[in-house]
Amino acid sequence: MHRLLQYHLERAGFQMLNAKNGREAIELVQRELPSLIVMDVMMAEMDGLSALKELKKADATKNIPVIMITASAHHITRQEAELSGAALFLTKPFSPTQLLMSVRTLVAEVEGV
């Protein structure tokens, strides 16, 4: 899934930074301050929902939109992600076109385009 996301996003002109787990994702986001975060719910060391909550607490990262991805369509997971500040919640499998449209929209909003 990661390689597929990277292929489509980079092909569309986006630069992608990669983290191996939730803790690394938080450190990377705090250091690089990206325009957008795409994060899986299921990650090692710290799950995506916990990482999302941490990012939304910090002043420097709280306004960065986050797209959460999961293989589980569980309603509670979706609701928790939205209540925690996720801009979008995608359930696998999803269309690369759907992801690219969402990424473009959210990045344009952040960059004021």
C-alpha atoms as a PDB file:
ATOM      1  CA  MET A   1       0.000   0.000   0.000  1.00  0.00           C
ATOM      2  CA  HIS A   2       2.823   2.379   0.898  1.00  0.00           C
ATOM      3  CA  ARG A   3       4.564   1.928  -2.459  1.00  0.00           C
ATOM      4  CA  LEU A   4       1.282   2.383  -4.307  1.00  0.00           C
ATOM      5  CA  LEU A   5       0.595   5.648  -2.470  1.00  0.00           C
ATOM      6  CA  GLN A   6       4.116   6.872  -3.094  1.00  0.00           C
ATOM      7  CA  TYR A   7       3.926   6.020  -6.792  1.00  0.00           C
ATOM      8  CA  HIS A   8       0.662   7.890  -7.358  1.00  0.00           C
ATOM      9  CA  LEU A   9       1.490  10.903  -5.190  1.00  0.00           C
ATOM     10  CA  GLU A  10       4.974  11.424  -6.612  1.00  0.00           C
ATOM     11  CA  ARG A  11       3.689  10.904 -10.155  1.00  0.00           C
ATOM     12  CA  ALA A  12       1.189  13.716  -9.455  1.00  0.00           C
ATOM     13  CA  GLY A  13       4.051  15.993  -8.371  1.00  0.00           C
ATOM     14  CA  PHE A  14       3.868  15.642  -4.593  1.00  0.00           C
ATOM     15  CA  GLN A  15       6.905  14.978  -2.424  1.00  0.00           C
ATOM     16  CA  MET A  16       6.376  12.187   0.080  1.00  0.00           C
ATOM     17  CA  LEU A  17       8.131  11.783   3.405  1.00  0.00           C
ATOM     18  CA  ASN A  18       8.018   8.348   5.014  1.00  0.00           C
ATOM     19  CA  ALA A  19       7.820   7.196   8.615  1.00  0.00           C
ATOM     20  CA  LYS A  20       8.060   3.601   9.803  1.00  0.00           C
ATOM     21  CA  ASN A  21       5.797   3.989  12.834  1.00  0.00           C
ATOM     22  CA  GLY A  22       3.623   6.448  14.735  1.00  0.00           C
ATOM     23  CA  ARG A  23       6.423   7.858  16.886  1.00  0.00           C
ATOM     24  CA  GLU A  24       8.625   8.450  13.867  1.00  0.00           C
ATOM     25  CA  ALA A  25       5.671  10.057  12.064  1.00  0.00           C
ATOM     26  CA  ILE A  26       5.197  12.595  14.856  1.00  0.00           C
ATOM     27  CA  GLU A  27       8.916  13.459  14.915  1.00  0.00           C
ATOM     28  CA  LEU A  28       9.020  13.798  11.114  1.00  0.00           C
ATOM     29  CA  VAL A  29       5.936  16.006  10.992  1.00  0.00           C
ATOM     30  CA  GLN A  30       7.244  18.253  13.779  1.00  0.00           C
ATOM     31  CA  ARG A  31      10.575  18.626  11.978  1.00  0.00           C
ATOM     32  CA  GLU A  32       9.334  19.030   8.387  1.00  0.00           C
ATOM     33  CA  LEU A  33       5.863  20.628   8.853  1.00  0.00           C
ATOM     34  CA  PRO A  34       4.321  19.143   5.685  1.00  0.00           C
ATOM     35  CA  SER A  35       1.240  20.577   3.958  1.00  0.00           C
ATOM     36  CA  LEU A  36      -0.656  17.319   4.476  1.00  0.00           C
ATOM     37  CA  ILE A  37      -0.348  14.014   6.324  1.00  0.00           C
ATOM     38  CA  VAL A  38      -1.557  10.647   5.030  1.00  0.00           C
ATOM     39  CA  MET A  39      -1.424   8.125   7.853  1.00  0.00           C
ATOM     40  CA  ASP A  40      -2.607   4.566   8.401  1.00  0.00           C
ATOM     41  CA  VAL A  41      -4.593   3.748  11.528  1.00  0.00           C
ATOM     42  CA  MET A  42      -2.544   0.570  12.060  1.00  0.00           C
ATOM     43  CA  MET A  43       1.102   1.427  12.739  1.00  0.00           C
ATOM     44  CA  ALA A  44       3.831   0.031  14.959  1.00  0.00           C
ATOM     45  CA  GLU A  45       4.825   1.578  18.315  1.00  0.00           C
ATOM     46  CA  MET A  46       1.963   4.083  18.224  1.00  0.00           C
ATOM     47  CA  ASP A  47      -1.218   3.640  16.214  1.00  0.00           C
ATOM     48  CA  GLY A  48      -2.397   6.296  13.779  1.00  0.00           C
ATOM     49  CA  LEU A  49      -5.259   7.530  15.967  1.00  0.00           C
ATOM     50  CA  SER A  50      -2.883   8.144  18.886  1.00  0.00           C
ATOM     51  CA  ALA A  51      -0.415   9.894  16.572  1.00  0.00           C
ATOM     52  CA  LEU A  52      -3.261  12.009  15.149  1.00  0.00           C
ATOM     53  CA  LYS A  53      -4.287  13.098  18.650  1.00  0.00           C
ATOM     54  CA  GLU A  54      -0.690  14.047  19.501  1.00  0.00           C
ATOM     55  CA  LEU A  55      -0.312  16.065  16.296  1.00  0.00           C
ATOM     56  CA  LYS A  56      -3.581  17.910  16.893  1.00  0.00           C
ATOM     57  CA  LYS A  57      -2.471  18.914  20.428  1.00  0.00           C
ATOM     58  CA  ALA A  58       0.680  20.714  19.261  1.00  0.00           C
ATOM     59  CA  ASP A  59       0.399  24.315  18.035  1.00  0.00           C
ATOM     60  CA  ALA A  60       2.903  23.761  15.218  1.00  0.00           C
ATOM     61  CA  THR A  61       1.031  20.775  13.746  1.00  0.00           C
ATOM     62  CA  LYS A  62      -2.613  21.138  14.779  1.00  0.00           C
ATOM     63  CA  ASN A  63      -3.692  22.805  11.517  1.00  0.00           C
ATOM     64  CA  ILE A  64      -2.057  20.296   9.157  1.00  0.00           C
ATOM     65  CA  PRO A  65      -4.840  18.261   7.526  1.00  0.00           C
ATOM     66  CA  VAL A  66      -4.620  14.509   8.091  1.00  0.00           C
ATOM     67  CA  ILE A  67      -6.046  11.786   5.880  1.00  0.00           C
ATOM     68  CA  MET A  68      -6.476   8.581   7.857  1.00  0.00           C
ATOM     69  CA  ILE A  69      -6.414   5.255   6.021  1.00  0.00           C
ATOM     70  CA  THR A  70      -7.590   1.922   7.383  1.00  0.00           C
ATOM     71  CA  ALA A  71      -8.506  -1.576   6.308  1.00  0.00           C
ATOM     72  CA  SER A  72     -11.298  -1.602   8.888  1.00  0.00           C
ATOM     73  CA  ALA A  73     -14.562   0.096   8.045  1.00  0.00           C
ATOM     74  CA  HIS A  74     -15.537   0.065  11.708  1.00  0.00           C
ATOM     75  CA  HIS A  75     -17.852   2.993  12.479  1.00  0.00           C
ATOM     76  CA  ILE A  76     -16.239   3.737  15.853  1.00  0.00           C
ATOM     77  CA  THR A  77     -12.769   4.026  14.284  1.00  0.00           C
ATOM     78  CA  ARG A  78     -14.097   6.480  11.674  1.00  0.00           C
ATOM     79  CA  GLN A  79     -15.941   8.482  14.329  1.00  0.00           C
ATOM     80  CA  GLU A  80     -12.885   8.611  16.612  1.00  0.00           C
ATOM     81  CA  ALA A  81     -10.676   9.781  13.726  1.00  0.00           C
ATOM     82  CA  GLU A  82     -13.107  12.530  12.778  1.00  0.00           C
ATOM     83  CA  LEU A  83     -13.550  13.655  16.391  1.00  0.00           C
ATOM     84  CA  SER A  84      -9.760  13.681  16.780  1.00  0.00           C
ATOM     85  CA  GLY A  85      -9.359  16.043  13.844  1.00  0.00           C
ATOM     86  CA  ALA A  86      -8.896  13.906  10.730  1.00  0.00           C
ATOM     87  CA  ALA A  87      -9.794  15.826   7.580  1.00  0.00           C
ATOM     88  CA  LEU A  88     -10.707  12.629   5.733  1.00  0.00           C
ATOM     89  CA  PHE A  89     -11.067   8.933   6.487  1.00  0.00           C
ATOM     90  CA  LEU A  90     -10.489   6.407   3.675  1.00  0.00           C
ATOM     91  CA  THR A  91     -11.192   2.702   3.919  1.00  0.00           C
ATOM     92  CA  LYS A  92      -9.017   0.275   1.940  1.00  0.00           C
ATOM     93  CA  PRO A  93      -9.361  -0.503  -0.854  1.00  0.00           C
ATOM     94  CA  PHE A  94      -9.814   2.965  -2.276  1.00  0.00           C
ATOM     95  CA  SER A  95      -9.177   4.443  -5.670  1.00  0.00           C
ATOM     96  CA  PRO A  96      -5.878   6.262  -6.285  1.00  0.00           C
ATOM     97  CA  THR A  97      -7.951   8.855  -8.156  1.00  0.00           C
ATOM     98  CA  GLN A  98     -10.081   9.425  -5.052  1.00  0.00           C
ATOM     99  CA  LEU A  99      -6.963   9.872  -2.924  1.00  0.00           C
ATOM    100  CA  LEU A 100      -5.332  12.276  -5.409  1.00  0.00           C
ATOM    101  CA  MET A 101      -8.467  14.411  -5.638  1.00  0.00           C
ATOM    102  CA  SER A 102      -8.644  14.614  -1.848  1.00  0.00           C
ATOM    103  CA  VAL A 103      -4.934  15.403  -1.524  1.00  0.00           C
ATOM    104  CA  ARG A 104      -5.146  18.166  -4.134  1.00  0.00           C
ATOM    105  CA  THR A 105      -8.203  19.702  -2.473  1.00  0.00           C
ATOM    106  CA  LEU A 106      -6.712  19.666   1.033  1.00  0.00           C
ATOM    107  CA  VAL A 107      -3.296  20.967  -0.073  1.00  0.00           C
ATOM    108  CA  ALA A 108      -4.963  23.772  -2.054  1.00  0.00           C
ATOM    109  CA  GLU A 109      -6.949  24.752   1.049  1.00  0.00           C
ATOM    110  CA  VAL A 110      -3.804  24.814   3.196  1.00  0.00           C
ATOM    111  CA  GLU A 111      -1.780  26.761   0.659  1.00  0.00           C
ATOM    112  CA  GLY A 112      -4.662  29.156  -0.045  1.00  0.00           C
ATOM    113  CA  VAL A 113      -4.783  28.321  -3.741  1.00  0.00           C
END
